[in-house]
PDB file of all heavy atoms in Angstrom:
ATOM      1  N   LYS A   1     126.668  95.796 117.646  1.00  0.00           N
ATOM      2  CA  LYS A   1     127.451  96.635 118.684  1.00  0.00           C
ATOM      3  C   LYS A   1     126.761  96.539 120.077  1.00  0.00           C
ATOM      4  O   LYS A   1     125.551  96.594 120.056  1.00  0.00           O
ATOM      5  CB  LYS A   1     127.577  98.093 118.182  1.00  0.00           C
ATOM      6  CG  LYS A   1     128.069  98.309 116.855  1.00  0.00           C
ATOM      7  CD  LYS A   1     129.630  97.911 116.609  1.00  0.00           C
ATOM      8  CE  LYS A   1     129.984  98.144 115.181  1.00  0.00           C
ATOM      9  NZ  LYS A   1     131.345  97.523 114.940  1.00  0.00           N
ATOM     10  N   ALA A   2     127.516  96.493 121.034  1.00  0.00           N
ATOM     11  CA  ALA A   2     127.002  96.638 122.410  1.00  0.00           C
ATOM     12  C   ALA A   2     127.197  98.156 122.708  1.00  0.00           C
ATOM     13  O   ALA A   2     128.316  98.593 123.121  1.00  0.00           O
ATOM     14  CB  ALA A   2     127.712  95.781 123.396  1.00  0.00           C
ATOM     15  N   LEU A   3     126.148  98.892 122.592  1.00  0.00           N
ATOM     16  CA  LEU A   3     126.314 100.364 122.869  1.00  0.00           C
ATOM     17  C   LEU A   3     126.558 100.626 124.354  1.00  0.00           C
ATOM     18  O   LEU A   3     127.185 101.621 124.676  1.00  0.00           O
ATOM     19  CB  LEU A   3     125.029 101.153 122.340  1.00  0.00           C
ATOM     20  CG  LEU A   3     124.686 100.889 120.870  1.00  0.00           C
ATOM     21  CD1 LEU A   3     123.506 101.759 120.445  1.00  0.00           C
ATOM     22  CD2 LEU A   3     125.868 101.267 119.950  1.00  0.00           C
ATOM     23  N   ASP A   4     125.966  99.846 125.196  1.00  0.00           N
ATOM     24  CA  ASP A   4     126.150  99.887 126.601  1.00  0.00           C
ATOM     25  C   ASP A   4     125.711  98.496 127.162  1.00  0.00           C
ATOM     26  O   ASP A   4     125.393  97.625 126.308  1.00  0.00           O
ATOM     27  CB  ASP A   4     125.436 101.011 127.386  1.00  0.00           C
ATOM     28  CG  ASP A   4     123.970 101.039 127.171  1.00  0.00           C
ATOM     29  OD1 ASP A   4     123.362  99.901 127.151  1.00  0.00           O
ATOM     30  OD2 ASP A   4     123.344 102.138 126.788  1.00  0.00           O
ATOM     31  N   ASP A   5     125.779  98.277 128.430  1.00  0.00           N
ATOM     32  CA  ASP A   5     125.409  97.034 128.975  1.00  0.00           C
ATOM     33  C   ASP A   5     124.003  96.508 128.584  1.00  0.00           C
ATOM     34  O   ASP A   5     123.811  95.195 128.470  1.00  0.00           O
ATOM     35  CB  ASP A   5     125.586  96.993 130.514  1.00  0.00           C
ATOM     36  CG  ASP A   5     126.988  96.983 131.002  1.00  0.00           C
ATOM     37  OD1 ASP A   5     127.833  96.697 130.117  1.00  0.00           O
ATOM     38  OD2 ASP A   5     127.136  97.235 132.162  1.00  0.00           O
ATOM     39  N   TYR A   6     123.112  97.444 128.287  1.00  0.00           N
ATOM     40  CA  TYR A   6     121.745  97.032 128.066  1.00  0.00           C
ATOM     41  C   TYR A   6     121.211  97.437 126.685  1.00  0.00           C
ATOM     42  O   TYR A   6     120.007  97.442 126.515  1.00  0.00           O
ATOM     43  CB  TYR A   6     120.841  97.523 129.148  1.00  0.00           C
ATOM     44  CG  TYR A   6     121.204  97.118 130.559  1.00  0.00           C
ATOM     45  CD1 TYR A   6     121.900  97.962 131.412  1.00  0.00           C
ATOM     46  CD2 TYR A   6     121.046  95.771 130.949  1.00  0.00           C
ATOM     47  CE1 TYR A   6     122.274  97.546 132.661  1.00  0.00           C
ATOM     48  CE2 TYR A   6     121.453  95.463 132.251  1.00  0.00           C
ATOM     49  CZ  TYR A   6     122.154  96.250 133.052  1.00  0.00           C
ATOM     50  OH  TYR A   6     122.507  95.808 134.337  1.00  0.00           O
ATOM     51  N   THR A   7     122.102  97.738 125.780  1.00  0.00           N
ATOM     52  CA  THR A   7     121.631  98.194 124.438  1.00  0.00           C
ATOM     53  C   THR A   7     122.531  97.398 123.440  1.00  0.00           C
ATOM     54  O   THR A   7     123.749  97.602 123.350  1.00  0.00           O
ATOM     55  CB  THR A   7     121.819  99.609 124.206  1.00  0.00           C
ATOM     56  OG1 THR A   7     121.211 100.367 125.385  1.00  0.00           O
ATOM     57  CG2 THR A   7     121.168 100.120 122.930  1.00  0.00           C
ATOM     58  N   VAL A   8     121.841  96.712 122.457  1.00  0.00           N
ATOM     59  CA  VAL A   8     122.610  95.984 121.478  1.00  0.00           C
ATOM     60  C   VAL A   8     121.927  96.488 120.093  1.00  0.00           C
ATOM     61  O   VAL A   8     120.757  96.599 120.051  1.00  0.00           O
ATOM     62  CB  VAL A   8     122.432  94.549 121.487  1.00  0.00           C
ATOM     63  CG1 VAL A   8     121.043  93.957 121.461  1.00  0.00           C
ATOM     64  CG2 VAL A   8     123.261  93.832 120.458  1.00  0.00           C
ATOM     65  N   GLN A   9     122.821  96.740 119.117  1.00  0.00           N
ATOM     66  CA  GLN A   9     122.431  97.312 117.846  1.00  0.00           C
ATOM     67  C   GLN A   9     122.901  96.550 116.734  1.00  0.00           C
ATOM     68  O   GLN A   9     124.055  96.152 116.722  1.00  0.00           O
ATOM     69  CB  GLN A   9     122.883  98.772 117.789  1.00  0.00           C
ATOM     70  CG  GLN A   9     122.320  99.595 116.525  1.00  0.00           C
ATOM     71  CD  GLN A   9     122.796 100.940 116.610  1.00  0.00           C
ATOM     72  OE1 GLN A   9     123.864 101.302 116.132  1.00  0.00           O
ATOM     73  NE2 GLN A   9     121.997 101.838 117.143  1.00  0.00           N
ATOM     74  N   TYR A  10     121.979  96.294 115.748  1.00  0.00           N
ATOM     75  CA  TYR A  10     122.342  95.595 114.507  1.00  0.00           C
ATOM     76  C   TYR A  10     122.156  96.523 113.347  1.00  0.00           C
ATOM     77  O   TYR A  10     121.136  97.294 113.267  1.00  0.00           O
ATOM     78  CB  TYR A  10     121.519  94.437 114.323  1.00  0.00           C
ATOM     79  CG  TYR A  10     121.647  93.256 115.265  1.00  0.00           C
ATOM     80  CD1 TYR A  10     120.899  93.258 116.443  1.00  0.00           C
ATOM     81  CD2 TYR A  10     122.522  92.224 115.121  1.00  0.00           C
ATOM     82  CE1 TYR A  10     120.997  92.353 117.425  1.00  0.00           C
ATOM     83  CE2 TYR A  10     122.728  91.294 116.011  1.00  0.00           C
ATOM     84  CZ  TYR A  10     122.026  91.314 117.181  1.00  0.00           C
ATOM     85  OH  TYR A  10     122.155  90.312 118.129  1.00  0.00           O
ATOM     86  N   THR A  11     123.233  96.586 112.454  1.00  0.00           N
ATOM     87  CA  THR A  11     123.073  97.377 111.263  1.00  0.00           C
ATOM     88  C   THR A  11     123.015  96.489 110.011  1.00  0.00           C
ATOM     89  O   THR A  11     123.831  95.610 109.871  1.00  0.00           O
ATOM     90  CB  THR A  11     124.318  98.391 111.113  1.00  0.00           C
ATOM     91  OG1 THR A  11     124.392  99.223 112.280  1.00  0.00           O
ATOM     92  CG2 THR A  11     124.127  99.198 109.848  1.00  0.00           C
ATOM     93  N   LEU A  12     122.075  96.682 109.123  1.00  0.00           N
ATOM     94  CA  LEU A  12     121.801  95.733 108.074  1.00  0.00           C
ATOM     95  C   LEU A  12     122.311  96.421 106.839  1.00  0.00           C
ATOM     96  O   LEU A  12     122.496  97.570 106.686  1.00  0.00           O
ATOM     97  CB  LEU A  12     120.303  95.485 107.915  1.00  0.00           C
ATOM     98  CG  LEU A  12     119.597  94.959 109.145  1.00  0.00           C
ATOM     99  CD1 LEU A  12     118.077  94.632 108.820  1.00  0.00           C
ATOM    100  CD2 LEU A  12     120.292  93.728 109.729  1.00  0.00           C
ATOM    101  N   ASN A  13     122.426  95.487 105.776  1.00  0.00           N
ATOM    102  CA  ASN A  13     122.889  96.018 104.474  1.00  0.00           C
ATOM    103  C   ASN A  13     121.716  96.563 103.714  1.00  0.00           C
ATOM    104  O   ASN A  13     121.919  97.497 102.875  1.00  0.00           O
ATOM    105  CB  ASN A  13     123.480  94.781 103.565  1.00  0.00           C
ATOM    106  CG  ASN A  13     124.804  94.389 104.087  1.00  0.00           C
ATOM    107  OD1 ASN A  13     125.776  95.190 104.399  1.00  0.00           O
ATOM    108  ND2 ASN A  13     124.990  93.063 104.251  1.00  0.00           N
ATOM    109  N   SER A  14     120.534  96.138 103.862  1.00  0.00           N
ATOM    110  CA  SER A  14     119.441  96.618 103.149  1.00  0.00           C
ATOM    111  C   SER A  14     118.119  96.285 104.109  1.00  0.00           C
ATOM    112  O   SER A  14     118.254  95.470 104.978  1.00  0.00           O
ATOM    113  CB  SER A  14     119.234  95.974 101.798  1.00  0.00           C
ATOM    114  OG  SER A  14     119.065  94.595 101.948  1.00  0.00           O
ATOM    115  N   PRO A  15     117.104  97.018 103.930  1.00  0.00           N
ATOM    116  CA  PRO A  15     115.960  96.864 104.771  1.00  0.00           C
ATOM    117  C   PRO A  15     115.362  95.429 104.707  1.00  0.00           C
ATOM    118  O   PRO A  15     115.300  94.762 103.689  1.00  0.00           O
ATOM    119  CB  PRO A  15     114.882  97.895 104.229  1.00  0.00           C
ATOM    120  CG  PRO A  15     115.682  98.938 103.537  1.00  0.00           C
ATOM    121  CD  PRO A  15     116.896  98.144 102.914  1.00  0.00           C
ATOM    122  N   GLU A  16     115.036  94.898 105.810  1.00  0.00           N
ATOM    123  CA  GLU A  16     114.342  93.527 105.946  1.00  0.00           C
ATOM    124  C   GLU A  16     113.191  93.694 106.880  1.00  0.00           C
ATOM    125  O   GLU A  16     113.385  93.651 108.136  1.00  0.00           O
ATOM    126  CB  GLU A  16     115.344  92.487 106.423  1.00  0.00           C
ATOM    127  CG  GLU A  16     116.459  92.229 105.472  1.00  0.00           C
ATOM    128  CD  GLU A  16     117.263  91.012 105.975  1.00  0.00           C
ATOM    129  OE1 GLU A  16     116.961  90.370 106.988  1.00  0.00           O
ATOM    130  OE2 GLU A  16     118.341  90.757 105.309  1.00  0.00           O
ATOM    131  N   PRO A  17     112.010  93.914 106.388  1.00  0.00           N
ATOM    132  CA  PRO A  17     110.837  94.121 107.211  1.00  0.00           C
ATOM    133  C   PRO A  17     110.639  92.830 108.178  1.00  0.00           C
ATOM    134  O   PRO A  17     109.895  92.987 109.148  1.00  0.00           O
ATOM    135  CB  PRO A  17     109.704  94.168 106.177  1.00  0.00           C
ATOM    136  CG  PRO A  17     110.270  94.614 104.920  1.00  0.00           C
ATOM    137  CD  PRO A  17     111.661  93.997 104.963  1.00  0.00           C
ATOM    138  N   TYR A  18     111.119  91.685 107.800  1.00  0.00           N
ATOM    139  CA  TYR A  18     110.990  90.526 108.612  1.00  0.00           C
ATOM    140  C   TYR A  18     112.184  90.344 109.558  1.00  0.00           C
ATOM    141  O   TYR A  18     112.391  89.235 110.130  1.00  0.00           O
ATOM    142  CB  TYR A  18     110.840  89.223 107.668  1.00  0.00           C
ATOM    143  CG  TYR A  18     111.833  89.297 106.562  1.00  0.00           C
ATOM    144  CD1 TYR A  18     113.081  88.848 106.676  1.00  0.00           C
ATOM    145  CD2 TYR A  18     111.482  89.808 105.366  1.00  0.00           C
ATOM    146  CE1 TYR A  18     114.015  88.819 105.654  1.00  0.00           C
ATOM    147  CE2 TYR A  18     112.354  89.871 104.265  1.00  0.00           C
ATOM    148  CZ  TYR A  18     113.646  89.402 104.433  1.00  0.00           C
ATOM    149  OH  TYR A  18     114.630  89.376 103.414  1.00  0.00           O
ATOM    150  N   TRP A  19     113.087  91.252 109.743  1.00  0.00           N
ATOM    151  CA  TRP A  19     114.322  91.062 110.517  1.00  0.00           C
ATOM    152  C   TRP A  19     114.017  90.593 111.923  1.00  0.00           C
ATOM    153  O   TRP A  19     114.735  89.656 112.468  1.00  0.00           O
ATOM    154  CB  TRP A  19     115.152  92.333 110.559  1.00  0.00           C
ATOM    155  CG  TRP A  19     116.198  92.262 111.578  1.00  0.00           C
ATOM    156  CD1 TRP A  19     116.211  92.805 112.870  1.00  0.00           C
ATOM    157  CD2 TRP A  19     117.491  91.529 111.556  1.00  0.00           C
ATOM    158  NE1 TRP A  19     117.357  92.403 113.518  1.00  0.00           N
ATOM    159  CE2 TRP A  19     118.138  91.685 112.698  1.00  0.00           C
ATOM    160  CE3 TRP A  19     117.993  90.755 110.460  1.00  0.00           C
ATOM    161  CZ2 TRP A  19     119.355  91.067 112.965  1.00  0.00           C
ATOM    162  CZ3 TRP A  19     119.220  90.114 110.714  1.00  0.00           C
ATOM    163  CH2 TRP A  19     119.890  90.321 111.927  1.00  0.00           C
ATOM    164  N   ASN A  20     113.019  91.248 112.550  1.00  0.00           N
ATOM    165  CA  ASN A  20     112.703  90.868 113.983  1.00  0.00           C
ATOM    166  C   ASN A  20     112.404  89.405 114.121  1.00  0.00           C
ATOM    167  O   ASN A  20     112.640  88.688 115.077  1.00  0.00           O
ATOM    168  CB  ASN A  20     111.526  91.671 114.492  1.00  0.00           C
ATOM    169  CG  ASN A  20     112.029  92.979 115.186  1.00  0.00           C
ATOM    170  OD1 ASN A  20     113.203  93.020 115.611  1.00  0.00           O
ATOM    171  ND2 ASN A  20     111.152  93.978 115.298  1.00  0.00           N
ATOM    172  N   SER A  21     111.743  88.735 113.105  1.00  0.00           N
ATOM    173  CA  SER A  21     111.366  87.333 113.147  1.00  0.00           C
ATOM    174  C   SER A  21     112.622  86.449 113.128  1.00  0.00           C
ATOM    175  O   SER A  21     112.622  85.382 113.685  1.00  0.00           O
ATOM    176  CB  SER A  21     110.437  86.937 112.111  1.00  0.00           C
ATOM    177  OG  SER A  21     110.939  87.051 110.770  1.00  0.00           O
ATOM    178  N   LYS A  22     113.803  87.004 112.584  1.00  0.00           N
ATOM    179  CA  LYS A  22     115.008  86.312 112.635  1.00  0.00           C
ATOM    180  C   LYS A  22     115.555  86.171 113.964  1.00  0.00           C
ATOM    181  O   LYS A  22     116.405  85.205 114.218  1.00  0.00           O
ATOM    182  CB  LYS A  22     116.006  86.968 111.706  1.00  0.00           C
ATOM    183  CG  LYS A  22     115.770  86.769 110.220  1.00  0.00           C
ATOM    184  CD  LYS A  22     116.894  87.331 109.386  1.00  0.00           C
ATOM    185  CE  LYS A  22     116.697  87.053 107.874  1.00  0.00           C
ATOM    186  NZ  LYS A  22     117.737  87.442 106.997  1.00  0.00           N
ATOM    187  N   THR A  23     115.278  87.131 114.856  1.00  0.00           N
ATOM    188  CA  THR A  23     115.793  87.079 116.263  1.00  0.00           C
ATOM    189  C   THR A  23     115.294  85.958 117.036  1.00  0.00           C
ATOM    190  O   THR A  23     115.925  85.782 118.154  1.00  0.00           O
ATOM    191  CB  THR A  23     115.601  88.458 117.014  1.00  0.00           C
ATOM    192  OG1 THR A  23     114.209  88.517 117.243  1.00  0.00           O
ATOM    193  CG2 THR A  23     115.988  89.600 116.134  1.00  0.00           C
ATOM    194  N   THR A  24     114.353  85.246 116.702  1.00  0.00           N
ATOM    195  CA  THR A  24     113.893  84.039 117.402  1.00  0.00           C
ATOM    196  C   THR A  24     114.675  82.787 117.074  1.00  0.00           C
ATOM    197  O   THR A  24     114.373  81.720 117.465  1.00  0.00           O
ATOM    198  CB  THR A  24     112.403  83.820 117.254  1.00  0.00           C
ATOM    199  OG1 THR A  24     112.159  83.423 115.803  1.00  0.00           O
ATOM    200  CG2 THR A  24     111.607  85.014 117.418  1.00  0.00           C
ATOM    201  N   ASN A  25     115.711  82.900 116.167  1.00  0.00           N
ATOM    202  CA  ASN A  25     116.506  81.793 115.722  1.00  0.00           C
ATOM    203  C   ASN A  25     117.817  81.764 116.520  1.00  0.00           C
ATOM    204  O   ASN A  25     118.411  82.791 116.899  1.00  0.00           O
ATOM    205  CB  ASN A  25     116.803  81.876 114.311  1.00  0.00           C
ATOM    206  CG  ASN A  25     115.623  81.745 113.370  1.00  0.00           C
ATOM    207  OD1 ASN A  25     115.238  80.628 113.121  1.00  0.00           O
ATOM    208  ND2 ASN A  25     115.038  82.829 113.000  1.00  0.00           N
ATOM    209  N   GLY A  26     118.255  80.495 116.717  1.00  0.00           N
ATOM    210  CA  GLY A  26     119.380  80.314 117.662  1.00  0.00           C
ATOM    211  C   GLY A  26     120.607  80.968 117.323  1.00  0.00           C
ATOM    212  O   GLY A  26     121.384  81.416 118.206  1.00  0.00           O
ATOM    213  N   ILE A  27     120.929  81.264 116.100  1.00  0.00           N
ATOM    214  CA  ILE A  27     122.157  81.916 115.714  1.00  0.00           C
ATOM    215  C   ILE A  27     122.266  83.291 116.228  1.00  0.00           C
ATOM    216  O   ILE A  27     123.444  83.853 116.361  1.00  0.00           O
ATOM    217  CB  ILE A  27     122.370  81.876 114.111  1.00  0.00           C
ATOM    218  CG1 ILE A  27     123.824  82.355 113.782  1.00  0.00           C
ATOM    219  CG2 ILE A  27     121.351  82.732 113.460  1.00  0.00           C
ATOM    220  CD1 ILE A  27     124.192  82.134 112.358  1.00  0.00           C
ATOM    221  N   LEU A  28     121.156  83.962 116.511  1.00  0.00           N
ATOM    222  CA  LEU A  28     121.127  85.275 117.091  1.00  0.00           C
ATOM    223  C   LEU A  28     120.931  85.280 118.601  1.00  0.00           C
ATOM    224  O   LEU A  28     120.693  86.334 119.205  1.00  0.00           O
ATOM    225  CB  LEU A  28     120.035  86.146 116.422  1.00  0.00           C
ATOM    226  CG  LEU A  28     120.323  86.551 114.951  1.00  0.00           C
ATOM    227  CD1 LEU A  28     119.229  87.201 114.232  1.00  0.00           C
ATOM    228  CD2 LEU A  28     121.704  87.392 114.813  1.00  0.00           C
ATOM    229  N   TYR A  29     121.006  84.159 119.274  1.00  0.00           N
ATOM    230  CA  TYR A  29     120.900  84.078 120.718  1.00  0.00           C
ATOM    231  C   TYR A  29     122.239  84.529 121.319  1.00  0.00           C
ATOM    232  O   TYR A  29     123.321  84.558 120.693  1.00  0.00           O
ATOM    233  CB  TYR A  29     120.600  82.693 121.224  1.00  0.00           C
ATOM    234  CG  TYR A  29     119.155  82.217 120.871  1.00  0.00           C
ATOM    235  CD1 TYR A  29     118.819  80.900 121.260  1.00  0.00           C
ATOM    236  CD2 TYR A  29     118.266  82.997 120.222  1.00  0.00           C
ATOM    237  CE1 TYR A  29     117.555  80.438 120.877  1.00  0.00           C
ATOM    238  CE2 TYR A  29     116.999  82.534 119.957  1.00  0.00           C
ATOM    239  CZ  TYR A  29     116.633  81.242 120.343  1.00  0.00           C
ATOM    240  OH  TYR A  29     115.411  80.737 120.056  1.00  0.00           O
ATOM    241  N   PRO A  30     122.234  84.922 122.614  1.00  0.00           N
ATOM    242  CA  PRO A  30     123.438  85.373 123.265  1.00  0.00           C
ATOM    243  C   PRO A  30     124.230  84.248 123.822  1.00  0.00           C
ATOM    244  O   PRO A  30     123.792  83.118 123.939  1.00  0.00           O
ATOM    245  CB  PRO A  30     122.987  86.235 124.421  1.00  0.00           C
ATOM    246  CG  PRO A  30     121.596  85.597 124.791  1.00  0.00           C
ATOM    247  CD  PRO A  30     121.035  85.111 123.458  1.00  0.00           C
ATOM    248  N   VAL A  31     125.486  84.459 124.159  1.00  0.00           N
ATOM    249  CA  VAL A  31     126.302  83.456 124.951  1.00  0.00           C
ATOM    250  C   VAL A  31     127.239  84.233 125.835  1.00  0.00           C
ATOM    251  O   VAL A  31     127.695  85.331 125.452  1.00  0.00           O
ATOM    252  CB  VAL A  31     127.118  82.568 123.916  1.00  0.00           C
ATOM    253  CG1 VAL A  31     128.240  83.387 123.249  1.00  0.00           C
ATOM    254  CG2 VAL A  31     127.779  81.370 124.657  1.00  0.00           C
ATOM    255  N   ASN A  32     127.505  83.809 127.014  1.00  0.00           N
ATOM    256  CA  ASN A  32     128.386  84.454 127.881  1.00  0.00           C
ATOM    257  C   ASN A  32     129.814  84.062 127.471  1.00  0.00           C
ATOM    258  O   ASN A  32     130.217  82.897 127.501  1.00  0.00           O
ATOM    259  CB  ASN A  32     128.135  83.948 129.359  1.00  0.00           C
ATOM    260  CG  ASN A  32     129.077  84.660 130.323  1.00  0.00           C
ATOM    261  OD1 ASN A  32     130.193  84.190 130.543  1.00  0.00           O
ATOM    262  ND2 ASN A  32     128.578  85.693 130.914  1.00  0.00           N
ATOM    263  N   GLU A  33     130.544  85.077 127.105  1.00  0.00           N
ATOM    264  CA  GLU A  33     131.906  84.890 126.562  1.00  0.00           C
ATOM    265  C   GLU A  33     132.843  84.248 127.551  1.00  0.00           C
ATOM    266  O   GLU A  33     133.701  83.366 127.174  1.00  0.00           O
ATOM    267  CB  GLU A  33     132.526  86.211 126.110  1.00  0.00           C
ATOM    268  CG  GLU A  33     133.763  86.014 125.196  1.00  0.00           C
ATOM    269  CD  GLU A  33     134.247  87.386 124.567  1.00  0.00           C
ATOM    270  OE1 GLU A  33     133.837  88.412 125.059  1.00  0.00           O
ATOM    271  OE2 GLU A  33     135.029  87.243 123.655  1.00  0.00           O
ATOM    272  N   GLU A  34     132.804  84.629 128.794  1.00  0.00           N
ATOM    273  CA  GLU A  34     133.669  84.086 129.773  1.00  0.00           C
ATOM    274  C   GLU A  34     133.484  82.621 129.940  1.00  0.00           C
ATOM    275  O   GLU A  34     134.367  81.791 129.989  1.00  0.00           O
ATOM    276  CB  GLU A  34     133.520  84.815 131.116  1.00  0.00           C
ATOM    277  CG  GLU A  34     134.273  84.175 132.247  1.00  0.00           C
ATOM    278  CD  GLU A  34     133.991  84.817 133.587  1.00  0.00           C
ATOM    279  OE1 GLU A  34     134.463  86.020 133.886  1.00  0.00           O
ATOM    280  OE2 GLU A  34     133.172  84.249 134.434  1.00  0.00           O
ATOM    281  N   PHE A  35     132.213  82.199 129.946  1.00  0.00           N
ATOM    282  CA  PHE A  35     131.771  80.755 130.039  1.00  0.00           C
ATOM    283  C   PHE A  35     132.288  80.007 128.793  1.00  0.00           C
ATOM    284  O   PHE A  35     132.822  78.921 128.982  1.00  0.00           O
ATOM    285  CB  PHE A  35     130.316  80.566 130.280  1.00  0.00           C
ATOM    286  CG  PHE A  35     129.865  79.165 130.534  1.00  0.00           C
ATOM    287  CD1 PHE A  35     129.988  78.574 131.759  1.00  0.00           C
ATOM    288  CD2 PHE A  35     129.395  78.403 129.433  1.00  0.00           C
ATOM    289  CE1 PHE A  35     129.534  77.241 131.944  1.00  0.00           C
ATOM    290  CE2 PHE A  35     128.967  77.152 129.646  1.00  0.00           C
ATOM    291  CZ  PHE A  35     128.997  76.562 130.885  1.00  0.00           C
ATOM    292  N   LEU A  36     131.959  80.595 127.667  1.00  0.00           N
ATOM    293  CA  LEU A  36     132.363  79.931 126.439  1.00  0.00           C
ATOM    294  C   LEU A  36     133.847  79.732 126.422  1.00  0.00           C
ATOM    295  O   LEU A  36     134.315  78.526 125.991  1.00  0.00           O
ATOM    296  CB  LEU A  36     131.974  80.881 125.330  1.00  0.00           C
ATOM    297  CG  LEU A  36     132.278  80.386 123.857  1.00  0.00           C
ATOM    298  CD1 LEU A  36     131.470  79.185 123.402  1.00  0.00           C
ATOM    299  CD2 LEU A  36     132.055  81.572 122.802  1.00  0.00           C
ATOM    300  N   THR A  37     134.641  80.665 126.748  1.00  0.00           N
ATOM    301  CA  THR A  37     136.130  80.520 126.727  1.00  0.00           C
ATOM    302  C   THR A  37     136.600  79.468 127.753  1.00  0.00           C
ATOM    303  O   THR A  37     137.468  78.657 127.417  1.00  0.00           O
ATOM    304  CB  THR A  37     136.789  81.904 127.049  1.00  0.00           C
ATOM    305  OG1 THR A  37     136.375  82.848 126.055  1.00  0.00           O
ATOM    306  CG2 THR A  37     138.292  81.754 126.997  1.00  0.00           C
ATOM    307  N   SER A  38     135.983  79.530 128.854  1.00  0.00           N
ATOM    308  CA  SER A  38     136.378  78.559 129.913  1.00  0.00           C
ATOM    309  C   SER A  38     136.156  77.108 129.570  1.00  0.00           C
ATOM    310  O   SER A  38     136.793  76.218 129.953  1.00  0.00           O
ATOM    311  CB  SER A  38     135.700  78.947 131.277  1.00  0.00           C
ATOM    312  OG  SER A  38     134.293  78.612 131.210  1.00  0.00           O
ATOM    313  N   LYS A  39     135.062  76.879 128.808  1.00  0.00           N
ATOM    314  CA  LYS A  39     134.728  75.509 128.424  1.00  0.00           C
ATOM    315  C   LYS A  39     135.535  75.091 127.184  1.00  0.00           C
ATOM    316  O   LYS A  39     135.789  73.845 127.007  1.00  0.00           O
ATOM    317  CB  LYS A  39     133.223  75.451 128.042  1.00  0.00           C
ATOM    318  CG  LYS A  39     132.333  75.476 129.267  1.00  0.00           C
ATOM    319  CD  LYS A  39     132.533  74.241 130.113  1.00  0.00           C
ATOM    320  CE  LYS A  39     131.614  74.200 131.346  1.00  0.00           C
ATOM    321  NZ  LYS A  39     131.849  73.033 132.134  1.00  0.00           N
ATOM    322  N   GLY A  40     135.984  75.973 126.304  1.00  0.00           N
ATOM    323  CA  GLY A  40     136.746  75.549 125.189  1.00  0.00           C
ATOM    324  C   GLY A  40     135.950  74.569 124.352  1.00  0.00           C
ATOM    325  O   GLY A  40     134.786  74.755 123.990  1.00  0.00           O
ATOM    326  N   ASP A  41     136.633  73.416 123.965  1.00  0.00           N
ATOM    327  CA  ASP A  41     135.960  72.388 123.108  1.00  0.00           C
ATOM    328  C   ASP A  41     134.922  71.592 123.936  1.00  0.00           C
ATOM    329  O   ASP A  41     134.123  70.904 123.281  1.00  0.00           O
ATOM    330  CB  ASP A  41     137.044  71.439 122.584  1.00  0.00           C
ATOM    331  CG  ASP A  41     137.980  71.998 121.630  1.00  0.00           C
ATOM    332  OD1 ASP A  41     137.639  73.183 121.065  1.00  0.00           O
ATOM    333  OD2 ASP A  41     139.091  71.537 121.366  1.00  0.00           O
ATOM    334  N   LYS A  42     134.866  71.816 125.202  1.00  0.00           N
ATOM    335  CA  LYS A  42     133.818  71.162 125.943  1.00  0.00           C
ATOM    336  C   LYS A  42     132.523  71.848 126.041  1.00  0.00           C
ATOM    337  O   LYS A  42     131.570  71.454 126.664  1.00  0.00           O
ATOM    338  CB  LYS A  42     134.313  70.904 127.362  1.00  0.00           C
ATOM    339  CG  LYS A  42     135.666  70.097 127.445  1.00  0.00           C
ATOM    340  CD  LYS A  42     135.429  68.662 126.975  1.00  0.00           C
ATOM    341  CE  LYS A  42     136.608  67.780 127.126  1.00  0.00           C
ATOM    342  NZ  LYS A  42     136.500  66.439 126.533  1.00  0.00           N
TER     343      LYS A  42
END
């Protein structure tokens, strides 16, 4: 969830003490939705 412009929150199914280390992986990186949509398949 985007709680506001500068707060993002993740809710997990069960505790993962190593969760923060997952945030260094590409799948959890951000993308600008407007740019993504404008580019489409490109």
